[in-house]
Amino acid sequence: MTLRVMSTLGIMAALRDRIGPGFEAATGLPLALSFEPTAVILAGVRGGQRADVVVAMDSAVDALIAEGVLLPETRVDVARTAVGLAKPPGSPAIDISTPEAFIRALLDTPRLVISEAGASGIYFRELIERLGVREAIMAKALVIPKGLTAEKLLTGEATLAVQQMSELMAVPGIEMVGAFPEPLGTYAPFVAAVFAGCAQPGAARDFIAHLLGAEARAAFLATGVEPAGA
């Protein structure tokens, strides 16, 4: 048997490289992992896709619990990550220590990239609307349907990438600028739950417990994710 896990891109590096292999080694149970933005996961589940466990943003999980798709008693807070910026390797330092410096950096960069489906891209578009710079920023924005925005820094297609910190750090070779400054910053909270009708409820619960263990906490911290309760 294989345990099927749908996961947000926000914890992909930690889950794919360390947490998943650790669980398989400890239990002997293979995992089938799939990674998508939360909005894509939500649409897929509502379209009939199923797994054993889902790890996604809290709003999507709560909606699926309300719809009877996920078991409410299995809902567990797992981690969270901030939305931030990254730049190409070797490029000049960028100051985003204050809201004013942050806005100036966005306006000065020649080409920035955001995700259309990702929660970070949705939040970013709302933020620049509030700040009154949406028109100027979006005029030079590269909007990708989904995926890791920082990959565009390595191809030369962008000079600044916007995404959750953990997703930016999942791209080797890029340089982190940092999280959005307060009070402009936001966190993406990730929670896990088991699907109703799951064929392996015990193993699914064991996997969620593994997400809260010491090995997982270390993997999260190493990839830009703050474990629950940290």
Protein backbone atom coordinates (compact mmCIF):
# COMPACT_ATOMS: atom_id res chain seq x y z
CA MET A 1 0.00 0.00 0.00
CA THR A 2 1.03 3.58 -0.64
CA LEU A 3 0.01 6.61 1.43
CA ARG A 4 -1.08 9.44 -0.84
CA VAL A 5 -0.33 12.97 0.32
CA MET A 6 -1.42 16.20 -1.34
CA SER A 7 0.79 19.06 -0.19
CA THR A 8 1.18 22.76 -0.66
CA LEU A 9 4.34 23.94 -2.38
CA GLY A 10 5.06 25.83 0.84
CA ILE A 11 6.61 22.77 2.52
CA MET A 12 7.80 20.96 -0.60
CA ALA A 13 11.55 21.06 0.09
CA ALA A 14 11.22 19.84 3.67
CA LEU A 15 8.64 17.15 2.88
CA ARG A 16 10.23 15.86 -0.31
CA ASP A 17 13.84 15.79 0.83
CA ARG A 18 13.72 14.96 4.55
CA ILE A 19 10.33 14.44 6.19
CA GLY A 20 8.93 12.07 3.57
CA PRO A 21 12.03 9.86 3.34
CA GLY A 22 12.24 9.81 7.14
CA PHE A 23 8.66 8.60 7.44
CA GLU A 24 9.20 5.91 4.80
CA ALA A 25 12.34 4.69 6.54
CA ALA A 26 10.64 4.58 9.93
CA THR A 27 7.43 2.87 8.79
CA GLY A 28 8.30 0.99 5.61
CA LEU A 29 5.26 2.62 4.01
CA PRO A 30 5.93 4.36 0.68
CA LEU A 31 4.53 7.82 0.07
CA ALA A 32 3.04 9.23 -3.12
CA LEU A 33 3.59 12.97 -2.78
CA SER A 34 2.08 15.63 -5.01
CA PHE A 35 2.78 19.36 -4.70
CA GLU A 36 0.61 22.22 -5.90
CA PRO A 37 -0.43 25.70 -4.73
CA THR A 38 -3.28 25.53 -2.21
CA ALA A 39 -5.74 27.04 -4.69
CA VAL A 40 -4.96 24.26 -7.18
CA ILE A 41 -5.33 21.60 -4.48
CA LEU A 42 -8.69 23.03 -3.44
CA ALA A 43 -9.98 23.12 -7.00
CA GLY A 44 -8.77 19.57 -7.64
CA VAL A 45 -10.42 18.15 -4.52
CA ARG A 46 -13.65 19.90 -5.35
CA GLY A 47 -13.35 18.37 -8.80
CA GLY A 48 -13.17 14.87 -7.32
CA GLN A 49 -9.46 14.28 -6.65
CA ARG A 50 -8.71 12.40 -3.44
CA ALA A 51 -5.73 11.30 -1.35
CA ASP A 52 -5.20 10.07 2.20
CA VAL A 53 -3.78 13.26 3.71
CA VAL A 54 -3.73 16.90 2.68
CA VAL A 55 -1.40 19.64 3.91
CA ALA A 56 -2.50 23.08 2.76
CA MET A 57 -3.37 26.57 3.93
CA ASP A 58 -5.78 26.66 6.82
CA SER A 59 -8.60 28.39 4.94
CA ALA A 60 -8.73 25.66 2.28
CA VAL A 61 -8.59 22.81 4.80
CA ASP A 62 -11.30 24.41 6.91
CA ALA A 63 -13.50 24.82 3.82
CA LEU A 64 -13.08 21.15 2.92
CA ILE A 65 -13.85 20.13 6.51
CA ALA A 66 -17.05 22.16 6.32
CA GLU A 67 -17.90 20.38 3.06
CA GLY A 68 -17.41 16.96 4.69
CA VAL A 69 -14.40 16.04 2.58
CA LEU A 70 -11.89 16.03 5.46
CA LEU A 71 -12.26 14.68 9.00
CA PRO A 72 -12.44 17.59 11.48
CA GLU A 73 -10.98 15.61 14.38
CA THR A 74 -7.75 15.06 12.40
CA ARG A 75 -7.07 18.76 11.70
CA VAL A 76 -3.64 19.76 13.04
CA ASP A 77 -1.63 22.98 12.76
CA VAL A 78 1.68 22.07 11.14
CA ALA A 79 3.71 25.17 10.29
CA ARG A 80 3.71 28.62 8.75
CA THR A 81 5.95 30.67 6.49
CA ALA A 82 6.25 34.36 5.68
CA VAL A 83 5.94 35.90 2.23
CA GLY A 84 9.22 37.35 1.05
CA LEU A 85 11.51 38.35 -1.79
CA ALA A 86 14.53 36.77 -3.48
CA LYS A 87 17.04 38.04 -6.04
CA PRO A 88 19.48 36.59 -8.58
CA PRO A 89 22.85 35.34 -7.30
CA GLY A 90 25.53 38.01 -7.17
CA SER A 91 23.11 40.90 -7.71
CA PRO A 92 23.33 44.07 -5.57
CA ALA A 93 21.89 44.04 -2.05
CA ILE A 94 18.29 45.25 -1.71
CA ASP A 95 17.00 47.14 1.31
CA ILE A 96 13.45 46.24 2.38
CA SER A 97 13.88 47.04 6.07
CA THR A 98 11.02 49.55 6.12
CA PRO A 99 7.74 49.86 4.19
CA GLU A 100 9.18 52.84 2.30
CA ALA A 101 12.32 50.93 1.32
CA PHE A 102 10.20 47.92 0.34
CA ILE A 103 8.02 49.99 -2.00
CA ARG A 104 11.09 51.66 -3.49
CA ALA A 105 12.68 48.26 -4.15
CA LEU A 106 9.56 47.07 -5.97
CA LEU A 107 9.43 50.21 -8.08
CA ASP A 108 13.16 50.15 -8.87
CA THR A 109 13.49 46.50 -9.93
CA PRO A 110 13.28 46.04 -13.71
CA ARG A 111 11.22 42.85 -13.68
CA LEU A 112 9.56 40.96 -10.84
CA VAL A 113 7.81 37.61 -10.90
CA ILE A 114 4.77 36.42 -8.95
CA SER A 115 2.56 33.34 -8.95
CA GLU A 116 -1.00 33.71 -10.21
CA ALA A 117 -2.47 30.74 -8.32
CA GLY A 118 -0.27 30.90 -5.23
CA ALA A 119 -1.46 32.52 -2.01
CA SER A 120 1.61 34.75 -2.07
CA GLY A 121 0.72 36.17 -5.47
CA ILE A 122 -2.89 36.78 -4.45
CA TYR A 123 -1.76 38.57 -1.28
CA PHE A 124 0.90 40.57 -3.14
CA ARG A 125 -1.60 41.90 -5.69
CA GLU A 126 -3.93 42.94 -2.87
CA LEU A 127 -1.04 44.59 -1.03
CA ILE A 128 0.21 46.72 -3.91
CA GLU A 129 -3.40 47.77 -4.56
CA ARG A 130 -3.60 49.04 -0.96
CA LEU A 131 -0.24 50.76 -1.32
CA GLY A 132 -1.35 52.55 -4.48
CA VAL A 133 1.40 51.11 -6.71
CA ARG A 134 -0.42 48.23 -8.38
CA GLU A 135 -0.45 49.76 -11.87
CA ALA A 136 3.26 50.55 -11.86
CA ILE A 137 4.25 47.16 -10.45
CA MET A 138 1.99 44.97 -12.56
CA ALA A 139 3.12 46.75 -15.73
CA LYS A 140 6.50 45.05 -15.34
CA ALA A 141 5.41 41.85 -13.58
CA LEU A 142 5.89 38.37 -14.95
CA VAL A 143 2.92 36.31 -13.72
CA ILE A 144 3.40 32.55 -13.87
CA PRO A 145 0.36 30.25 -13.55
CA LYS A 146 1.91 28.28 -10.67
CA GLY A 147 5.25 26.87 -9.56
CA LEU A 148 8.42 28.32 -8.05
CA THR A 149 8.87 31.96 -8.98
CA ALA A 150 12.57 32.03 -8.02
CA GLU A 151 13.39 29.77 -10.96
CA LYS A 152 12.88 32.82 -13.16
CA LEU A 153 15.76 34.56 -11.35
CA LEU A 154 18.17 31.92 -12.65
CA THR A 155 16.97 32.18 -16.25
CA GLY A 156 17.33 35.95 -16.30
CA GLU A 157 13.60 36.49 -16.81
CA ALA A 158 13.20 38.38 -13.51
CA THR A 159 15.26 40.48 -11.12
CA LEU A 160 13.03 40.00 -8.06
CA ALA A 161 10.83 37.06 -7.05
CA VAL A 162 7.82 37.18 -4.73
CA GLN A 163 6.67 34.03 -2.94
CA GLN A 164 6.52 32.31 0.41
CA MET A 165 9.99 32.16 1.95
CA SER A 166 10.03 28.36 1.93
CA GLU A 167 9.19 28.24 -1.77
CA LEU A 168 11.91 30.76 -2.61
CA MET A 169 14.44 28.74 -0.61
CA ALA A 170 13.46 25.59 -2.53
CA VAL A 171 15.35 26.96 -5.56
CA PRO A 172 19.12 26.37 -5.15
CA GLY A 173 21.41 29.23 -6.11
CA ILE A 174 19.13 32.21 -5.56
CA GLU A 175 19.75 34.80 -2.84
CA MET A 176 17.14 35.67 -0.24
CA VAL A 177 16.26 39.33 0.31
CA GLY A 178 13.96 38.63 3.25
CA ALA A 179 10.39 38.71 4.47
CA PHE A 180 8.14 41.68 3.82
CA PRO A 181 8.68 44.34 6.52
CA GLU A 182 6.07 44.93 9.19
CA PRO A 183 3.26 45.88 9.01
CA LEU A 184 3.18 44.72 5.38
CA GLY A 185 4.11 41.12 6.05
CA THR A 186 1.86 38.11 6.21
CA TYR A 187 2.16 34.44 7.09
CA ALA A 188 0.74 31.42 5.31
CA PRO A 189 -0.43 28.91 7.95
CA PHE A 190 -0.35 25.26 6.89
CA VAL A 191 -2.53 22.58 8.46
CA ALA A 192 -2.98 18.86 7.82
CA ALA A 193 -6.05 16.64 7.85
CA VAL A 194 -7.16 13.16 6.80
CA PHE A 195 -9.64 12.59 4.00
CA ALA A 196 -13.02 11.14 4.92
CA GLY A 197 -13.14 7.57 3.64
CA CYS A 198 -9.36 7.23 3.78
CA ALA A 199 -8.41 3.55 3.31
CA GLN A 200 -5.49 3.83 5.74
CA PRO A 201 -6.67 6.11 8.56
CA GLY A 202 -4.11 4.81 11.06
CA ALA A 203 -1.17 5.38 8.71
CA ALA A 204 -2.57 8.77 7.75
CA ARG A 205 -2.69 9.84 11.39
CA ASP A 206 0.83 8.48 11.91
CA PHE A 207 2.03 10.63 9.02
CA ILE A 208 0.49 13.75 10.52
CA ALA A 209 2.12 12.91 13.86
CA HIS A 210 5.43 12.60 12.01
CA LEU A 211 4.93 16.14 10.67
CA LEU A 212 4.99 17.36 14.27
CA GLY A 213 8.08 15.43 15.36
CA ALA A 214 11.64 16.61 15.99
CA GLU A 215 12.91 15.48 12.58
CA ALA A 216 10.18 17.43 10.81
CA ARG A 217 10.73 20.53 12.95
CA ALA A 218 14.42 20.55 12.03
CA ALA A 219 13.60 20.10 8.34
CA PHE A 220 11.08 22.93 8.44
CA LEU A 221 13.48 25.34 10.14
CA ALA A 222 16.18 24.55 7.57
CA THR A 223 13.85 25.43 4.69
CA GLY A 224 12.32 28.72 5.80
CA VAL A 225 9.30 27.27 7.58
CA GLU A 226 8.31 27.92 11.20
CA PRO A 227 6.97 24.77 12.88
CA ALA A 228 3.71 25.00 14.80
CA GLY A 229 4.31 26.05 18.39
CA ALA A 230 7.74 27.49 17.65
